[in-house]
Amino acid sequence: MKRTISAKSERILRDLGVLPRLTAGERLVTAGTVYALDEEARVLASLVFVLEGDVLCVGYAVNRGTGWQIVEQEPYSLRSLGYWQRWLKRHGVPVFSPP
């Protein structure tokens, strides 16, 4: 990652399990609670982190049974992280929370 992140961001990303997975070479990392975006839970959504070149981005991805596909993303900041966490809570129903 080209841009340095604050100690607070580093702690949050480590707690979500994002940093170890990115360090291991994953390019798309889902994190946190998985939400259902429809009543039958056919469309699942999750917070997602992705590396675009050297830029860390955050947004959300959906899974319709064929794997995670990014829907929207923007460069990572604490503000953008909070926005996407709130968006998922507002539009989805929690179906799975990691321990």
PDB file of N, CA and C in Angstrom:
ATOM      1  N   MET A   1       0.844  -1.173   0.000  1.00  0.00           N
ATOM      2  CA  MET A   1       0.000   0.000   0.000  1.00  0.00           C
ATOM      3  C   MET A   1       0.889   1.236   0.000  1.00  0.00           C
ATOM      4  N   LYS A   2       0.636   2.105  -0.931  1.00  0.00           N
ATOM      5  CA  LYS A   2       1.470   3.283  -1.074  1.00  0.00           C
ATOM      6  C   LYS A   2       1.200   4.283   0.044  1.00  0.00           C
ATOM      7  N   ARG A   3      -0.065   4.561   0.311  1.00  0.00           N
ATOM      8  CA  ARG A   3      -0.423   5.550   1.322  1.00  0.00           C
ATOM      9  C   ARG A   3      -0.329   4.912   2.701  1.00  0.00           C
ATOM     10  N   THR A   4       0.288   5.623   3.634  1.00  0.00           N
ATOM     11  CA  THR A   4       0.389   5.078   4.984  1.00  0.00           C
ATOM     12  C   THR A   4      -0.942   5.250   5.691  1.00  0.00           C
ATOM     13  N   ILE A   5      -1.221   4.337   6.617  1.00  0.00           N
ATOM     14  CA  ILE A   5      -2.459   4.413   7.364  1.00  0.00           C
ATOM     15  C   ILE A   5      -2.137   4.700   8.820  1.00  0.00           C
ATOM     16  N   SER A   6      -3.103   5.271   9.508  1.00  0.00           N
ATOM     17  CA  SER A   6      -2.900   5.637  10.907  1.00  0.00           C
ATOM     18  C   SER A   6      -2.840   4.386  11.779  1.00  0.00           C
ATOM     19  N   ALA A   7      -2.365   4.575  12.985  1.00  0.00           N
ATOM     20  CA  ALA A   7      -2.299   3.459  13.939  1.00  0.00           C
ATOM     21  C   ALA A   7      -3.703   2.937  14.235  1.00  0.00           C
ATOM     22  N   LYS A   8      -4.675   3.839  14.314  1.00  0.00           N
ATOM     23  CA  LYS A   8      -6.065   3.425  14.567  1.00  0.00           C
ATOM     24  C   LYS A   8      -6.583   2.572  13.408  1.00  0.00           C
ATOM     25  N   SER A   9      -6.347   3.005  12.183  1.00  0.00           N
ATOM     26  CA  SER A   9      -6.776   2.225  11.017  1.00  0.00           C
ATOM     27  C   SER A   9      -6.081   0.880  10.984  1.00  0.00           C
ATOM     28  N   GLU A  10      -4.804   0.871  11.282  1.00  0.00           N
ATOM     29  CA  GLU A  10      -4.063  -0.398  11.287  1.00  0.00           C
ATOM     30  C   GLU A  10      -4.654  -1.366  12.299  1.00  0.00           C
ATOM     31  N   ARG A  11      -5.002  -0.876  13.479  1.00  0.00           N
ATOM     32  CA  ARG A  11      -5.600  -1.724  14.513  1.00  0.00           C
ATOM     33  C   ARG A  11      -6.963  -2.261  14.060  1.00  0.00           C
ATOM     34  N   ILE A  12      -7.787  -1.398  13.479  1.00  0.00           N
ATOM     35  CA  ILE A  12      -9.111  -1.819  13.002  1.00  0.00           C
ATOM     36  C   ILE A  12      -8.972  -2.876  11.914  1.00  0.00           C
ATOM     37  N   LEU A  13      -8.093  -2.645  10.957  1.00  0.00           N
ATOM     38  CA  LEU A  13      -7.893  -3.599   9.861  1.00  0.00           C
ATOM     39  C   LEU A  13      -7.329  -4.923  10.366  1.00  0.00           C
ATOM     40  N   ARG A  14      -6.457  -4.874  11.362  1.00  0.00           N
ATOM     41  CA  ARG A  14      -5.928  -6.106  11.948  1.00  0.00           C
ATOM     42  C   ARG A  14      -7.035  -6.851  12.681  1.00  0.00           C
ATOM     43  N   ASP A  15      -7.858  -6.124  13.463  1.00  0.00           N
ATOM     44  CA  ASP A  15      -8.949  -6.748  14.202  1.00  0.00           C
ATOM     45  C   ASP A  15      -9.985  -7.385  13.271  1.00  0.00           C
ATOM     46  N   LEU A  16     -10.214  -6.782  12.113  1.00  0.00           N
ATOM     47  CA  LEU A  16     -11.139  -7.348  11.136  1.00  0.00           C
ATOM     48  C   LEU A  16     -10.526  -8.511  10.364  1.00  0.00           C
ATOM     49  N   GLY A  17      -9.223  -8.727  10.532  1.00  0.00           N
ATOM     50  CA  GLY A  17      -8.542  -9.806   9.828  1.00  0.00           C
ATOM     51  C   GLY A  17      -8.134  -9.446   8.413  1.00  0.00           C
ATOM     52  N   VAL A  18      -8.181  -8.179   8.078  1.00  0.00           N
ATOM     53  CA  VAL A  18      -7.888  -7.745   6.721  1.00  0.00           C
ATOM     54  C   VAL A  18      -6.393  -7.748   6.438  1.00  0.00           C
ATOM     55  N   LEU A  19      -5.600  -7.162   7.322  1.00  0.00           N
ATOM     56  CA  LEU A  19      -4.156  -7.044   7.066  1.00  0.00           C
ATOM     57  C   LEU A  19      -3.464  -8.384   6.865  1.00  0.00           C
ATOM     58  N   PRO A  20      -3.715  -9.389   7.723  1.00  0.00           N
ATOM     59  CA  PRO A  20      -3.040 -10.677   7.488  1.00  0.00           C
ATOM     60  C   PRO A  20      -3.402 -11.298   6.138  1.00  0.00           C
ATOM     61  N   ARG A  21      -4.647 -11.162   5.730  1.00  0.00           N
ATOM     62  CA  ARG A  21      -5.073 -11.759   4.457  1.00  0.00           C
ATOM     63  C   ARG A  21      -4.486 -11.008   3.271  1.00  0.00           C
ATOM     64  N   LEU A  22      -4.411  -9.680   3.357  1.00  0.00           N
ATOM     65  CA  LEU A  22      -3.788  -8.914   2.280  1.00  0.00           C
ATOM     66  C   LEU A  22      -2.303  -9.222   2.203  1.00  0.00           C
ATOM     67  N   THR A  23      -1.664  -9.353   3.359  1.00  0.00           N
ATOM     68  CA  THR A  23      -0.247  -9.693   3.407  1.00  0.00           C
ATOM     69  C   THR A  23       0.006 -11.070   2.802  1.00  0.00           C
ATOM     70  N   ALA A  24      -0.958 -11.987   2.963  1.00  0.00           N
ATOM     71  CA  ALA A  24      -0.839 -13.336   2.406  1.00  0.00           C
ATOM     72  C   ALA A  24      -1.072 -13.367   0.895  1.00  0.00           C
ATOM     73  N   GLY A  25      -1.452 -12.224   0.314  1.00  0.00           N
ATOM     74  CA  GLY A  25      -1.595 -12.164  -1.137  1.00  0.00           C
ATOM     75  C   GLY A  25      -3.008 -12.084  -1.660  1.00  0.00           C
ATOM     76  N   GLU A  26      -4.009 -12.146  -0.788  1.00  0.00           N
ATOM     77  CA  GLU A  26      -5.392 -12.012  -1.265  1.00  0.00           C
ATOM     78  C   GLU A  26      -5.605 -10.602  -1.786  1.00  0.00           C
ATOM     79  N   ARG A  27      -6.341 -10.470  -2.867  1.00  0.00           N
ATOM     80  CA  ARG A  27      -6.611  -9.152  -3.449  1.00  0.00           C
ATOM     81  C   ARG A  27      -7.991  -8.638  -3.065  1.00  0.00           C
ATOM     82  N   LEU A  28      -8.913  -9.521  -2.701  1.00  0.00           N
ATOM     83  CA  LEU A  28     -10.267  -9.149  -2.291  1.00  0.00           C
ATOM     84  C   LEU A  28     -10.550  -9.840  -0.966  1.00  0.00           C
ATOM     85  N   VAL A  29     -10.829  -9.041   0.073  1.00  0.00           N
ATOM     86  CA  VAL A  29     -11.024  -9.583   1.417  1.00  0.00           C
ATOM     87  C   VAL A  29     -12.370  -9.126   1.948  1.00  0.00           C
ATOM     88  N   THR A  30     -13.246 -10.082   2.257  1.00  0.00           N
ATOM     89  CA  THR A  30     -14.503  -9.747   2.925  1.00  0.00           C
ATOM     90  C   THR A  30     -14.252  -9.736   4.425  1.00  0.00           C
ATOM     91  N   ALA A  31     -15.011  -8.910   5.143  1.00  0.00           N
ATOM     92  CA  ALA A  31     -14.786  -8.785   6.578  1.00  0.00           C
ATOM     93  C   ALA A  31     -16.084  -8.424   7.289  1.00  0.00           C
ATOM     94  N   GLY A  32     -16.176  -8.868   8.527  1.00  0.00           N
ATOM     95  CA  GLY A  32     -17.315  -8.497   9.358  1.00  0.00           C
ATOM     96  C   GLY A  32     -18.547  -9.323   9.075  1.00  0.00           C
ATOM     97  N   THR A  33     -19.673  -8.777   9.479  1.00  0.00           N
ATOM     98  CA  THR A  33     -20.968  -9.439   9.369  1.00  0.00           C
ATOM     99  C   THR A  33     -21.383  -9.595   7.910  1.00  0.00           C
ATOM    100  N   VAL A  34     -21.998 -10.726   7.590  1.00  0.00           N
ATOM    101  CA  VAL A  34     -22.583 -10.952   6.274  1.00  0.00           C
ATOM    102  C   VAL A  34     -24.076 -10.650   6.386  1.00  0.00           C
ATOM    103  N   TYR A  35     -24.592  -9.893   5.428  1.00  0.00           N
ATOM    104  CA  TYR A  35     -25.988  -9.453   5.441  1.00  0.00           C
ATOM    105  C   TYR A  35     -26.756 -10.044   4.265  1.00  0.00           C
ATOM    106  N   ALA A  36     -28.051 -10.261   4.454  1.00  0.00           N
ATOM    107  CA  ALA A  36     -28.943 -10.635   3.361  1.00  0.00           C
ATOM    108  C   ALA A  36     -29.571  -9.349   2.836  1.00  0.00           C
ATOM    109  N   LEU A  37     -29.546  -9.164   1.531  1.00  0.00           N
ATOM    110  CA  LEU A  37     -30.130  -7.966   0.944  1.00  0.00           C
ATOM    111  C   LEU A  37     -31.541  -8.205   0.418  1.00  0.00           C
ATOM    112  N   ASP A  38     -32.004  -9.450   0.462  1.00  0.00           N
ATOM    113  CA  ASP A  38     -33.390  -9.733   0.092  1.00  0.00           C
ATOM    114  C   ASP A  38     -33.990 -10.687   1.115  1.00  0.00           C
ATOM    115  N   GLU A  39     -35.292 -10.836   1.105  1.00  0.00           N
ATOM    116  CA  GLU A  39     -35.985 -11.616   2.131  1.00  0.00           C
ATOM    117  C   GLU A  39     -35.620 -13.093   2.123  1.00  0.00           C
ATOM    118  N   GLU A  40     -35.305 -13.652   0.974  1.00  0.00           N
ATOM    119  CA  GLU A  40     -34.989 -15.072   0.889  1.00  0.00           C
ATOM    120  C   GLU A  40     -33.505 -15.355   1.106  1.00  0.00           C
ATOM    121  N   ALA A  41     -32.729 -14.346   1.417  1.00  0.00           N
ATOM    122  CA  ALA A  41     -31.276 -14.474   1.632  1.00  0.00           C
ATOM    123  C   ALA A  41     -30.566 -15.058   0.411  1.00  0.00           C
ATOM    124  N   ARG A  42     -31.083 -14.742  -0.783  1.00  0.00           N
ATOM    125  CA  ARG A  42     -30.422 -15.199  -2.008  1.00  0.00           C
ATOM    126  C   ARG A  42     -29.258 -14.298  -2.381  1.00  0.00           C
ATOM    127  N   VAL A  43     -29.318 -13.048  -1.952  1.00  0.00           N
ATOM    128  CA  VAL A  43     -28.243 -12.107  -2.231  1.00  0.00           C
ATOM    129  C   VAL A  43     -27.610 -11.720  -0.903  1.00  0.00           C
ATOM    130  N   LEU A  44     -26.366 -12.141  -0.721  1.00  0.00           N
ATOM    131  CA  LEU A  44     -25.625 -11.822   0.494  1.00  0.00           C
ATOM    132  C   LEU A  44     -24.679 -10.662   0.201  1.00  0.00           C
ATOM    133  N   ALA A  45     -24.439  -9.844   1.215  1.00  0.00           N
ATOM    134  CA  ALA A  45     -23.538  -8.709   1.052  1.00  0.00           C
ATOM    135  C   ALA A  45     -22.570  -8.659   2.221  1.00  0.00           C
ATOM    136  N   SER A  46     -21.381  -8.150   1.948  1.00  0.00           N
ATOM    137  CA  SER A  46     -20.355  -8.055   2.978  1.00  0.00           C
ATOM    138  C   SER A  46     -19.479  -6.836   2.715  1.00  0.00           C
ATOM    139  N   LEU A  47     -18.944  -6.313   3.795  1.00  0.00           N
ATOM    140  CA  LEU A  47     -17.924  -5.286   3.685  1.00  0.00           C
ATOM    141  C   LEU A  47     -16.739  -5.911   2.957  1.00  0.00           C
ATOM    142  N   VAL A  48     -16.120  -5.163   2.062  1.00  0.00           N
ATOM    143  CA  VAL A  48     -15.021  -5.727   1.280  1.00  0.00           C
ATOM    144  C   VAL A  48     -13.864  -4.732   1.209  1.00  0.00           C
ATOM    145  N   PHE A  49     -12.670  -5.290   1.255  1.00  0.00           N
ATOM    146  CA  PHE A  49     -11.454  -4.516   1.084  1.00  0.00           C
ATOM    147  C   PHE A  49     -10.739  -5.088  -0.126  1.00  0.00           C
ATOM    148  N   VAL A  50     -10.218  -4.215  -0.963  1.00  0.00           N
ATOM    149  CA  VAL A  50      -9.558  -4.665  -2.182  1.00  0.00           C
ATOM    150  C   VAL A  50      -8.372  -3.753  -2.467  1.00  0.00           C
ATOM    151  N   LEU A  51      -7.325  -4.331  -3.000  1.00  0.00           N
ATOM    152  CA  LEU A  51      -6.172  -3.547  -3.427  1.00  0.00           C
ATOM    153  C   LEU A  51      -6.324  -3.233  -4.908  1.00  0.00           C
ATOM    154  N   GLU A  52      -6.333  -1.954  -5.213  1.00  0.00           N
ATOM    155  CA  GLU A  52      -6.350  -1.490  -6.605  1.00  0.00           C
ATOM    156  C   GLU A  52      -4.978  -0.883  -6.855  1.00  0.00           C
ATOM    157  N   GLY A  53      -4.095  -1.669  -7.419  1.00  0.00           N
ATOM    158  CA  GLY A  53      -2.705  -1.232  -7.534  1.00  0.00           C
ATOM    159  C   GLY A  53      -2.102  -1.191  -6.150  1.00  0.00           C
ATOM    160  N   ASP A  54      -1.697  -0.007  -5.714  1.00  0.00           N
ATOM    161  CA  ASP A  54      -1.154   0.166  -4.371  1.00  0.00           C
ATOM    162  C   ASP A  54      -2.141   0.854  -3.435  1.00  0.00           C
ATOM    163  N   VAL A  55      -3.378   1.043  -3.878  1.00  0.00           N
ATOM    164  CA  VAL A  55      -4.376   1.769  -3.091  1.00  0.00           C
ATOM    165  C   VAL A  55      -5.351   0.787  -2.458  1.00  0.00           C
ATOM    166  N   LEU A  56      -5.515   0.884  -1.147  1.00  0.00           N
ATOM    167  CA  LEU A  56      -6.499   0.069  -0.439  1.00  0.00           C
ATOM    168  C   LEU A  56      -7.862   0.730  -0.584  1.00  0.00           C
ATOM    169  N   CYS A  57      -8.850  -0.040  -1.021  1.00  0.00           N
ATOM    170  CA  CYS A  57     -10.212   0.465  -1.178  1.00  0.00           C
ATOM    171  C   CYS A  57     -11.147  -0.318  -0.271  1.00  0.00           C
ATOM    172  N   VAL A  58     -12.258   0.312   0.094  1.00  0.00           N
ATOM    173  CA  VAL A  58     -13.287  -0.314   0.919  1.00  0.00           C
ATOM    174  C   VAL A  58     -14.629  -0.071   0.246  1.00  0.00           C
ATOM    175  N   GLY A  59     -15.533  -1.015   0.412  1.00  0.00           N
ATOM    176  CA  GLY A  59     -16.865  -0.902  -0.160  1.00  0.00           C
ATOM    177  C   GLY A  59     -17.670  -2.116   0.235  1.00  0.00           C
ATOM    178  N   TYR A  60     -18.528  -2.556  -0.679  1.00  0.00           N
ATOM    179  CA  TYR A  60     -19.259  -3.787  -0.398  1.00  0.00           C
ATOM    180  C   TYR A  60     -19.313  -4.661  -1.637  1.00  0.00           C
ATOM    181  N   ALA A  61     -19.476  -5.956  -1.372  1.00  0.00           N
ATOM    182  CA  ALA A  61     -19.563  -6.944  -2.441  1.00  0.00           C
ATOM    183  C   ALA A  61     -20.790  -7.804  -2.180  1.00  0.00           C
ATOM    184  N   VAL A  62     -21.330  -8.395  -3.231  1.00  0.00           N
ATOM    185  CA  VAL A  62     -22.466  -9.300  -3.104  1.00  0.00           C
ATOM    186  C   VAL A  62     -22.072 -10.687  -3.584  1.00  0.00           C
ATOM    187  N   ASN A  63     -22.792 -11.662  -3.053  1.00  0.00           N
ATOM    188  CA  ASN A  63     -22.609 -13.053  -3.459  1.00  0.00           C
ATOM    189  C   ASN A  63     -23.985 -13.608  -3.771  1.00  0.00           C
ATOM    190  N   ARG A  64     -24.202 -13.948  -5.025  1.00  0.00           N
ATOM    191  CA  ARG A  64     -25.471 -14.536  -5.474  1.00  0.00           C
ATOM    192  C   ARG A  64     -25.316 -16.036  -5.677  1.00  0.00           C
ATOM    193  N   GLY A  65     -24.340 -16.612  -4.978  1.00  0.00           N
ATOM    194  CA  GLY A  65     -24.084 -18.036  -5.096  1.00  0.00           C
ATOM    195  C   GLY A  65     -22.950 -18.380  -6.032  1.00  0.00           C
ATOM    196  N   THR A  66     -22.345 -17.372  -6.628  1.00  0.00           N
ATOM    197  CA  THR A  66     -21.258 -17.620  -7.582  1.00  0.00           C
ATOM    198  C   THR A  66     -19.952 -16.975  -7.147  1.00  0.00           C
ATOM    199  N   GLY A  67     -19.847 -16.584  -5.899  1.00  0.00           N
ATOM    200  CA  GLY A  67     -18.644 -15.919  -5.406  1.00  0.00           C
ATOM    201  C   GLY A  67     -18.880 -14.437  -5.207  1.00  0.00           C
ATOM    202  N   TRP A  68     -17.950 -13.797  -4.535  1.00  0.00           N
ATOM    203  CA  TRP A  68     -18.082 -12.378  -4.196  1.00  0.00           C
ATOM    204  C   TRP A  68     -17.745 -11.501  -5.390  1.00  0.00           C
ATOM    205  N   GLN A  69     -18.634 -10.554  -5.677  1.00  0.00           N
ATOM    206  CA  GLN A  69     -18.449  -9.586  -6.756  1.00  0.00           C
ATOM    207  C   GLN A  69     -18.556  -8.181  -6.169  1.00  0.00           C
ATOM    208  N   ILE A  70     -17.556  -7.356  -6.398  1.00  0.00           N
ATOM    209  CA  ILE A  70     -17.564  -5.989  -5.875  1.00  0.00           C
ATOM    210  C   ILE A  70     -18.658  -5.182  -6.568  1.00  0.00           C
ATOM    211  N   VAL A  71     -19.430  -4.456  -5.761  1.00  0.00           N
ATOM    212  CA  VAL A  71     -20.474  -3.588  -6.302  1.00  0.00           C
ATOM    213  C   VAL A  71     -20.010  -2.141  -6.283  1.00  0.00           C
ATOM    214  N   GLU A  72     -19.573  -1.670  -5.132  1.00  0.00           N
ATOM    215  CA  GLU A  72     -19.074  -0.306  -5.012  1.00  0.00           C
ATOM    216  C   GLU A  72     -17.858  -0.296  -4.109  1.00  0.00           C
ATOM    217  N   GLN A  73     -16.940   0.619  -4.401  1.00  0.00           N
ATOM    218  CA  GLN A  73     -15.743   0.759  -3.586  1.00  0.00           C
ATOM    219  C   GLN A  73     -15.204   2.170  -3.731  1.00  0.00           C
ATOM    220  N   GLU A  74     -14.406   2.587  -2.761  1.00  0.00           N
ATOM    221  CA  GLU A  74     -13.737   3.872  -2.805  1.00  0.00           C
ATOM    222  C   GLU A  74     -12.453   3.754  -1.995  1.00  0.00           C
ATOM    223  N   PRO A  75     -11.517   4.675  -2.180  1.00  0.00           N
ATOM    224  CA  PRO A  75     -10.273   4.603  -1.409  1.00  0.00           C
ATOM    225  C   PRO A  75     -10.564   4.558   0.087  1.00  0.00           C
ATOM    226  N   TYR A  76      -9.786   3.751   0.805  1.00  0.00           N
ATOM    227  CA  TYR A  76      -9.991   3.552   2.224  1.00  0.00           C
ATOM    228  C   TYR A  76      -9.707   4.818   3.034  1.00  0.00           C
ATOM    229  N   SER A  77     -10.587   5.088   3.970  1.00  0.00           N
ATOM    230  CA  SER A  77     -10.393   6.070   5.032  1.00  0.00           C
ATOM    231  C   SER A  77     -11.312   5.627   6.164  1.00  0.00           C
ATOM    232  N   LEU A  78     -11.093   6.149   7.360  1.00  0.00           N
ATOM    233  CA  LEU A  78     -12.006   5.804   8.449  1.00  0.00           C
ATOM    234  C   LEU A  78     -13.417   6.254   8.126  1.00  0.00           C
ATOM    235  N   ARG A  79     -13.543   7.384   7.450  1.00  0.00           N
ATOM    236  CA  ARG A  79     -14.860   7.893   7.063  1.00  0.00           C
ATOM    237  C   ARG A  79     -15.556   6.942   6.089  1.00  0.00           C
ATOM    238  N   SER A  80     -14.829   6.488   5.062  1.00  0.00           N
ATOM    239  CA  SER A  80     -15.442   5.589   4.079  1.00  0.00           C
ATOM    240  C   SER A  80     -15.757   4.229   4.705  1.00  0.00           C
ATOM    241  N   LEU A  81     -14.912   3.748   5.602  1.00  0.00           N
ATOM    242  CA  LEU A  81     -15.186   2.495   6.303  1.00  0.00           C
ATOM    243  C   LEU A  81     -16.493   2.607   7.087  1.00  0.00           C
ATOM    244  N   GLY A  82     -16.647   3.692   7.849  1.00  0.00           N
ATOM    245  CA  GLY A  82     -17.871   3.905   8.617  1.00  0.00           C
ATOM    246  C   GLY A  82     -19.099   4.003   7.731  1.00  0.00           C
ATOM    247  N   TYR A  83     -18.958   4.687   6.592  1.00  0.00           N
ATOM    248  CA  TYR A  83     -20.085   4.819   5.664  1.00  0.00           C
ATOM    249  C   TYR A  83     -20.568   3.457   5.201  1.00  0.00           C
ATOM    250  N   TRP A  84     -19.653   2.579   4.759  1.00  0.00           N
ATOM    251  CA  TRP A  84     -20.058   1.283   4.231  1.00  0.00           C
ATOM    252  C   TRP A  84     -20.582   0.359   5.323  1.00  0.00           C
ATOM    253  N   GLN A  85     -20.036   0.464   6.529  1.00  0.00           N
ATOM    254  CA  GLN A  85     -20.587  -0.320   7.643  1.00  0.00           C
ATOM    255  C   GLN A  85     -22.021   0.097   7.929  1.00  0.00           C
ATOM    256  N   ARG A  86     -22.279   1.397   7.960  1.00  0.00           N
ATOM    257  CA  ARG A  86     -23.647   1.887   8.199  1.00  0.00           C
ATOM    258  C   ARG A  86     -24.571   1.526   7.046  1.00  0.00           C
ATOM    259  N   TRP A  87     -24.084   1.607   5.803  1.00  0.00           N
ATOM    260  CA  TRP A  87     -24.904   1.280   4.637  1.00  0.00           C
ATOM    261  C   TRP A  87     -25.386  -0.164   4.712  1.00  0.00           C
ATOM    262  N   LEU A  88     -24.488  -1.070   5.032  1.00  0.00           N
ATOM    263  CA  LEU A  88     -24.857  -2.484   5.121  1.00  0.00           C
ATOM    264  C   LEU A  88     -25.879  -2.720   6.238  1.00  0.00           C
ATOM    265  N   LYS A  89     -25.690  -2.079   7.380  1.00  0.00           N
ATOM    266  CA  LYS A  89     -26.647  -2.236   8.486  1.00  0.00           C
ATOM    267  C   LYS A  89     -28.020  -1.706   8.106  1.00  0.00           C
ATOM    268  N   ARG A  90     -28.064  -0.618   7.345  1.00  0.00           N
ATOM    269  CA  ARG A  90     -29.321   0.010   6.961  1.00  0.00           C
ATOM    270  C   ARG A  90     -30.065  -0.783   5.886  1.00  0.00           C
ATOM    271  N   HIS A  91     -29.330  -1.423   4.969  1.00  0.00           N
ATOM    272  CA  HIS A  91     -29.959  -2.086   3.824  1.00  0.00           C
ATOM    273  C   HIS A  91     -30.059  -3.601   3.940  1.00  0.00           C
ATOM    274  N   GLY A  92     -29.404  -4.189   4.934  1.00  0.00           N
ATOM    275  CA  GLY A  92     -29.390  -5.644   5.028  1.00  0.00           C
ATOM    276  C   GLY A  92     -29.876  -6.158   6.356  1.00  0.00           C
ATOM    277  N   VAL A  93     -30.054  -7.465   6.397  1.00  0.00           N
ATOM    278  CA  VAL A  93     -30.424  -8.185   7.615  1.00  0.00           C
ATOM    279  C   VAL A  93     -29.252  -9.107   7.939  1.00  0.00           C
ATOM    280  N   PRO A  94     -28.676  -8.993   9.157  1.00  0.00           N
ATOM    281  CA  PRO A  94     -27.522  -9.839   9.481  1.00  0.00           C
ATOM    282  C   PRO A  94     -27.861 -11.323   9.427  1.00  0.00           C
ATOM    283  N   VAL A  95     -27.016 -12.111   8.765  1.00  0.00           N
ATOM    284  CA  VAL A  95     -27.210 -13.549   8.701  1.00  0.00           C
ATOM    285  C   VAL A  95     -26.044 -14.324   9.306  1.00  0.00           C
ATOM    286  N   PHE A  96     -24.875 -13.684   9.385  1.00  0.00           N
ATOM    287  CA  PHE A  96     -23.715 -14.352   9.954  1.00  0.00           C
ATOM    288  C   PHE A  96     -22.752 -13.298  10.482  1.00  0.00           C
ATOM    289  N   SER A  97     -22.334 -13.481  11.731  1.00  0.00           N
ATOM    290  CA  SER A  97     -21.312 -12.617  12.329  1.00  0.00           C
ATOM    291  C   SER A  97     -20.137 -13.471  12.732  1.00  0.00           C
ATOM    292  N   PRO A  98     -18.937 -13.068  12.336  1.00  0.00           N
ATOM    293  CA  PRO A  98     -17.770 -13.850  12.759  1.00  0.00           C
ATOM    294  C   PRO A  98     -17.576 -13.745  14.277  1.00  0.00           C
ATOM    295  N   PRO A  99     -16.916 -14.729  14.867  1.00  0.00           N
ATOM    296  CA  PRO A  99     -16.716 -14.703  16.339  1.00  0.00           C
ATOM    297  C   PRO A  99     -15.890 -13.533  16.808  1.00  0.00           C
TER     298      PRO A  99
END
